[in-house]
Protein backbone atom coordinates (compact mmCIF):
# COMPACT_ATOMS: atom_id res chain seq x y z
CA MET A 1 91.82 100.81 155.79
CA SER A 2 93.81 102.58 153.05
CA LYS A 3 92.61 100.11 150.47
CA LYS A 4 88.99 100.72 151.42
CA LYS A 5 89.39 104.51 151.08
CA SER A 6 91.05 104.25 147.67
CA PHE A 7 88.14 102.12 146.46
CA VAL A 8 85.36 104.43 147.71
CA LEU A 9 86.80 107.75 146.53
CA PRO A 10 86.74 106.99 142.78
CA ILE A 11 83.10 105.84 143.05
CA VAL A 12 82.13 109.10 144.71
CA LEU A 13 83.92 111.10 142.02
CA ILE A 14 82.19 109.13 139.27
CA LEU A 15 78.79 109.77 140.82
CA ILE A 16 79.51 113.51 141.04
CA MET A 17 80.57 113.58 137.38
CA ILE A 18 77.36 111.81 136.29
CA LEU A 19 75.17 114.22 138.24
CA SER A 20 77.07 117.21 136.84
CA LEU A 21 76.51 116.02 133.27
CA LYS A 22 72.80 115.52 133.83
CA CYS A 23 72.31 118.91 135.47
CA SER A 24 74.25 120.70 132.74
CA GLY A 25 71.78 119.51 130.15
CA ASP A 26 74.50 118.04 127.93
CA GLN A 27 73.45 114.42 128.23
CA SER A 28 70.15 112.94 127.13
CA ALA A 29 68.15 110.91 129.64
CA ASN A 30 68.55 107.86 127.39
CA GLY A 31 72.16 107.48 128.47
CA ASN A 32 73.65 108.66 125.17
CA GLN A 33 76.97 110.45 124.93
CA PRO A 34 77.01 114.15 125.89
CA LYS A 35 76.20 116.52 123.03
CA LYS A 36 77.77 119.92 122.40
CA SER A 37 75.54 122.71 123.67
CA ILE A 38 75.53 126.48 124.09
CA GLU A 39 73.76 128.56 126.72
CA ILE A 40 72.49 132.10 126.28
CA SER A 41 71.17 134.53 128.88
CA LEU A 42 68.12 136.61 127.98
CA ASN A 43 68.78 139.21 130.67
CA ALA A 44 72.03 140.72 131.92
CA GLN A 45 70.61 140.61 135.47
CA ALA A 46 70.62 136.81 135.64
CA GLY A 47 67.26 136.36 133.95
CA PRO A 48 66.05 133.24 132.15
CA ILE A 49 68.46 131.28 129.98
CA MET A 50 68.07 129.13 126.90
CA ILE A 51 70.16 126.04 126.15
CA PHE A 52 70.78 124.91 122.57
CA VAL A 53 71.96 121.45 121.52
CA GLU A 54 74.08 120.93 118.40
CA ILE A 55 72.35 118.79 115.78
CA PRO A 56 74.87 117.33 113.31
CA ALA A 57 74.40 117.33 109.55
CA GLY A 58 73.26 114.03 108.06
CA LYS A 59 70.85 112.05 105.90
CA PHE A 60 67.59 110.43 107.00
CA ALA A 61 64.38 108.82 105.74
CA MET A 62 61.68 111.49 106.07
CA GLY A 63 58.02 110.53 106.17
CA SER A 64 56.50 107.13 106.87
CA PRO A 65 55.87 103.83 105.07
CA ASP A 66 52.38 103.00 103.79
CA THR A 67 51.97 100.51 106.64
CA GLU A 68 52.47 103.07 109.41
CA ILE A 69 49.44 104.13 111.41
CA GLY A 70 47.64 107.14 109.94
CA HIS A 71 49.63 107.20 106.70
CA LYS A 72 47.45 108.77 103.99
CA GLY A 73 50.00 109.63 101.32
CA ARG A 74 50.89 112.97 102.90
CA GLU A 75 53.94 111.44 104.59
CA TYR A 76 55.50 109.91 101.47
CA LEU A 77 58.75 108.22 102.52
CA HIS A 78 61.79 109.82 100.88
CA SER A 79 65.48 110.46 101.54
CA VAL A 80 66.50 113.90 102.79
CA THR A 81 69.92 115.37 103.50
CA ILE A 82 70.43 118.07 106.12
CA SER A 83 73.63 119.58 104.77
CA LYS A 84 74.65 121.78 107.71
CA PRO A 85 74.68 121.33 111.47
CA PHE A 86 72.45 123.60 113.54
CA TYR A 87 71.66 124.40 117.14
CA MET A 88 68.13 123.66 118.38
CA SER A 89 66.68 124.81 121.69
CA LYS A 90 66.80 121.86 124.06
CA CYS A 91 63.26 122.59 125.24
CA GLU A 92 60.21 124.35 123.89
CA VAL A 93 60.21 128.12 124.46
CA THR A 94 58.79 128.72 127.93
CA GLN A 95 56.44 131.35 129.28
CA GLU A 96 59.21 133.14 131.16
CA GLN A 97 61.48 133.17 128.10
CA TYR A 98 58.72 134.55 125.88
CA GLN A 99 57.78 137.13 128.52
CA GLN A 100 61.40 138.28 128.84
CA ILE A 101 61.83 138.80 125.09
CA MET A 102 58.36 140.00 124.05
CA GLY A 103 57.13 141.70 127.22
CA VAL A 104 53.85 139.75 127.22
CA ASN A 105 52.66 136.23 127.97
CA PRO A 106 49.75 135.16 125.74
CA SER A 107 49.42 131.70 127.33
CA LYS A 108 46.03 130.41 128.42
CA PHE A 109 47.60 128.29 131.15
CA VAL A 110 48.88 130.93 133.55
CA SER A 111 47.77 131.49 137.14
CA LYS A 112 44.84 133.92 137.24
CA SER A 113 46.39 135.79 140.17
CA MET A 114 49.44 136.60 138.04
CA GLU A 115 47.81 137.61 134.76
CA LEU A 116 48.77 141.29 135.07
CA GLU A 117 52.41 140.42 135.68
CA GLY A 118 52.31 137.96 132.79
CA THR A 119 54.14 134.97 134.25
CA SER A 120 53.47 133.01 137.41
CA PRO A 121 56.07 130.96 139.29
CA GLU A 122 53.86 127.91 138.82
CA THR A 123 53.76 128.13 135.02
CA ALA A 124 56.95 130.06 134.16
CA LYS A 125 58.73 126.95 132.90
CA GLN A 126 55.78 125.55 131.03
CA PRO A 127 55.87 126.04 127.25
CA VAL A 128 54.32 129.24 125.98
CA GLU A 129 51.13 128.51 123.99
CA THR A 130 48.34 130.40 122.29
CA VAL A 131 50.95 131.86 119.93
CA SER A 132 50.38 132.20 116.20
CA TRP A 133 53.01 131.36 113.59
CA PHE A 134 53.58 135.10 113.17
CA ASP A 135 54.08 135.45 116.93
CA ALA A 136 56.77 132.77 116.77
CA VAL A 137 58.49 134.56 113.86
CA ARG A 138 58.44 137.85 115.75
CA PHE A 139 59.97 136.12 118.79
CA CYS A 140 62.80 134.79 116.63
CA ASN A 141 63.64 138.28 115.37
CA ALA A 142 63.40 139.80 118.85
CA LEU A 143 65.63 137.06 120.31
CA SER A 144 68.20 137.70 117.57
CA LEU A 145 68.28 141.39 118.45
CA ASN A 146 68.48 140.53 122.15
CA GLN A 147 71.65 138.56 121.41
CA GLY A 148 73.18 141.16 119.06
CA LEU A 149 72.50 139.09 115.92
CA GLN A 150 70.96 140.04 112.60
CA PRO A 151 67.34 138.79 112.42
CA CYS A 152 66.66 136.09 109.83
CA TYR A 153 63.17 137.26 108.96
CA THR A 154 62.17 140.30 106.91
CA ASN A 155 58.97 141.31 105.16
CA GLN A 156 58.41 142.10 101.49
CA ILE A 157 60.11 145.51 101.79
CA GLY A 158 63.09 144.29 103.80
CA SER A 159 61.92 145.36 107.27
CA THR A 160 62.56 143.11 110.26
CA THR A 161 59.31 144.36 111.83
CA ILE A 162 56.82 141.64 110.89
CA GLU A 163 53.06 142.20 110.74
CA ASP A 164 50.42 139.52 110.23
CA SER A 165 49.68 140.97 106.78
CA ASP A 166 53.31 140.63 105.62
CA ILE A 167 54.95 138.17 103.27
CA VAL A 168 57.75 136.75 105.38
CA VAL A 169 61.17 136.10 103.83
CA CYS A 170 63.94 134.11 105.52
CA ASP A 171 67.68 134.72 105.19
CA TRP A 172 68.87 131.10 105.28
CA SER A 173 72.51 132.13 105.49
CA GLY A 174 71.96 134.24 108.60
CA THR A 175 73.11 133.31 112.10
CA GLY A 176 70.07 134.74 113.88
CA PHE A 177 67.30 132.61 115.34
CA ARG A 178 64.52 131.09 113.27
CA LEU A 179 61.93 128.33 113.25
CA PRO A 180 63.08 124.90 112.08
CA THR A 181 62.01 123.72 108.66
CA GLU A 182 59.78 120.68 108.70
CA ALA A 183 62.72 118.54 107.56
CA GLU A 184 65.01 119.91 110.26
CA TRP A 185 62.32 119.28 112.88
CA GLU A 186 61.74 115.64 111.90
CA TYR A 187 65.47 114.98 111.56
CA ALA A 188 66.03 116.35 115.07
CA CYS A 189 63.04 114.46 116.45
CA ARG A 190 64.11 111.11 115.02
CA ALA A 191 67.69 111.56 116.24
CA GLY A 192 68.95 108.72 114.08
CA THR A 193 65.94 106.41 114.48
CA THR A 194 63.68 105.02 111.74
CA SER A 195 60.90 103.76 114.01
CA MET A 196 57.33 105.07 114.29
CA TYR A 197 58.25 106.95 117.47
CA PHE A 198 61.81 107.95 118.34
CA TRP A 199 61.74 105.48 121.23
CA ALA A 200 59.90 102.48 119.70
CA ASP A 201 58.18 101.05 116.63
CA SER A 202 54.90 100.18 118.31
CA TYR A 203 52.44 102.01 120.51
CA ASP A 204 52.80 101.24 124.20
CA GLU A 205 51.34 103.67 126.74
CA ALA A 206 53.73 102.75 129.53
CA GLU A 207 56.66 103.56 127.24
CA MET A 208 55.08 106.71 125.81
CA MET A 209 54.52 108.11 129.29
CA LYS A 210 58.29 108.08 129.85
CA TYR A 211 58.84 110.47 126.95
CA ALA A 212 55.70 112.55 126.42
CA TRP A 213 53.05 114.68 128.10
CA TYR A 214 49.87 113.74 126.27
CA GLY A 215 46.19 113.01 126.85
CA ARG A 216 46.71 110.11 129.21
CA ASN A 217 48.84 112.05 131.68
CA SER A 218 48.03 115.72 131.10
CA ASN A 219 44.41 115.91 129.94
CA GLN A 220 41.95 115.00 132.66
CA ARG A 221 39.20 114.27 130.15
CA CYS A 222 41.28 111.49 128.57
CA ASN A 223 42.89 110.16 131.74
CA PRO A 224 41.35 107.00 133.20
CA ASP A 225 42.77 107.84 136.64
CA PRO A 226 40.16 110.09 138.38
CA SER A 227 42.72 111.19 140.98
CA ASP A 228 44.93 112.81 138.34
CA THR A 229 43.66 116.34 137.72
CA ASN A 230 46.39 117.48 135.32
CA ARG A 231 45.09 119.32 132.29
CA GLY A 232 47.34 121.38 130.09
CA PRO A 233 51.04 121.84 129.28
CA GLN A 234 53.59 120.71 131.84
CA THR A 235 57.03 121.93 132.92
CA VAL A 236 59.48 121.44 130.05
CA GLY A 237 62.31 118.93 130.26
CA THR A 238 60.68 116.64 132.84
CA LYS A 239 60.31 113.59 130.59
CA LEU A 240 63.09 111.61 128.92
CA ALA A 241 65.03 113.20 126.06
CA ASN A 242 65.75 111.73 122.64
CA ALA A 243 69.22 110.67 121.50
CA PHE A 244 70.13 114.26 120.53
CA GLY A 245 69.31 115.47 124.04
CA LEU A 246 66.08 117.25 123.02
CA TYR A 247 63.09 117.24 125.36
CA ASP A 248 59.35 117.25 124.58
CA MET A 249 59.81 116.72 120.86
CA ILE A 250 56.67 114.63 121.19
CA GLY A 251 53.75 115.91 123.27
CA ASN A 252 53.43 118.87 125.66
CA VAL A 253 52.71 121.42 122.89
CA SER A 254 52.69 121.02 119.14
CA GLU A 255 55.46 123.06 117.50
CA TRP A 256 55.36 125.54 114.63
CA CYS A 257 57.69 124.92 111.69
CA TRP A 258 58.66 127.34 108.91
CA ASP A 259 57.01 125.46 106.04
CA PHE A 260 53.75 126.04 104.26
CA TYR A 261 51.64 122.88 104.27
CA ASP A 262 51.00 120.90 101.09
CA PRO A 263 49.95 117.23 101.49
CA GLY A 264 51.71 116.22 98.27
CA TYR A 265 54.91 118.25 98.71
CA TYR A 266 57.11 115.30 99.77
CA ARG A 267 56.81 113.71 96.30
CA VAL A 268 58.35 116.75 94.57
CA SER A 269 60.50 118.30 97.31
CA PRO A 270 64.29 118.70 96.97
CA ASP A 271 66.34 115.94 98.54
CA THR A 272 68.70 118.42 100.25
CA ASP A 273 67.52 121.03 102.79
CA PRO A 274 63.88 121.25 101.64
CA LYS A 275 62.08 124.36 102.87
CA GLY A 276 58.48 123.66 101.93
CA PRO A 277 56.30 124.87 99.06
CA ASP A 278 56.38 128.50 97.98
CA ASP A 279 52.91 129.57 99.00
CA GLU A 280 49.92 127.82 100.59
CA ARG A 281 47.18 128.73 103.05
CA TYR A 282 48.44 126.90 106.14
CA ARG A 283 51.73 126.34 107.96
CA VAL A 284 53.01 123.07 109.43
CA SER A 285 53.06 122.13 113.10
CA ARG A 286 54.64 118.98 114.49
CA GLY A 287 54.84 116.72 117.53
CA GLY A 288 51.33 116.37 118.98
CA SER A 289 50.35 117.91 122.31
CA TRP A 290 49.09 117.44 125.85
CA PHE A 291 45.54 117.35 124.48
CA CYS A 292 45.95 114.28 122.24
CA ALA A 293 45.20 110.80 123.56
CA LEU A 294 45.51 108.76 120.37
CA PRO A 295 48.88 107.37 119.23
CA LEU A 296 48.74 108.92 115.74
CA PRO A 297 49.80 112.54 116.54
CA PHE A 298 52.98 111.32 118.20
CA CYS A 299 54.51 109.50 115.23
CA SER A 300 57.77 111.21 114.29
CA ALA A 301 56.50 111.77 110.71
CA HIS A 302 52.99 113.01 111.57
CA ARG A 303 52.30 116.49 110.19
CA VAL A 304 49.45 118.93 110.82
CA ASN A 305 48.27 122.01 108.95
CA GLN A 306 47.35 125.07 111.03
CA ASP A 307 46.22 128.62 110.34
CA PRO A 308 49.35 130.80 110.80
CA PHE A 309 47.23 133.75 112.01
CA LEU A 310 45.72 131.88 114.95
CA GLY A 311 47.18 130.64 118.19
CA ASN A 312 45.67 127.97 120.40
CA GLU A 313 46.28 126.33 123.75
CA VAL A 314 48.01 123.28 122.28
CA THR A 315 50.60 124.98 120.05
CA GLY A 316 53.96 126.51 120.90
CA PHE A 317 57.39 126.36 119.28
CA ARG A 318 61.14 125.97 119.66
CA VAL A 319 63.88 127.79 117.76
CA ILE A 320 67.14 127.01 115.99
CA ARG A 321 70.17 128.89 114.69
CA GLN A 322 73.16 128.11 112.48
CA PRO A 323 76.66 128.01 113.99
CA GLU A 324 78.65 131.20 113.42
């Protein structure tokens, strides 16, 4: 009897430890080793929280080879070094997080009965969408102030109050919150992989559905299953994570990056910490969305140009910060 008890107890303890790691958000769903993370509260009265995962410094191959699907020269394959570690939000910014910081919820996908209040229980943990690039920048500054940090973004006269008409300047040495650069985003998305997608090198819908909300499982018009009525963003963090422990890097909503968009920039960009061209018309978004059904938008290197003044129902964002 004593031998049987001594054998069962360690198994129970092991199971409890595994469940604790998963619930804490420090282990990716791929079974990788736990990653260092930090948690911040957005409200002293136990309001919503945000969890950030540490992304280590390193070197990677940014872009895609000529043979990769959709390659048109705008994803020129080149070596990039990310010289400093950073913390990236584990999930896309949610409706409740945006509401807590900004006092409004611009999302299209919110229960009609709750529009006046701004956030419904049904959609609170879905990614915020219908946010412009400028909205995302303003959120970063407001989140920095919420946490007692100096905002990273100022306008042309040094004010941290950003208007759509402003020229936005970033303090890259600051420890406040900001949008990832395009290079930081792709580096975090790949999480050490060199394949077309961070989970595989070929398109397979059964595999993609494990990692991404996209047209086949969240857009009724593209879904061959008539019984599935999903259409729109889904609750964050419900698919598998990548090797860095980041969720929804592909699909759900496309994500704003800092960079201006220039299709030829990769051929002339710095090989260490590139931050995009100096001035163009559009900004970059990454990762594809719930609306897309084709495999192309989900490639780790795929890049899209969007009008920074306009928000839409397929675009949201996540934020990063440097360690103090």
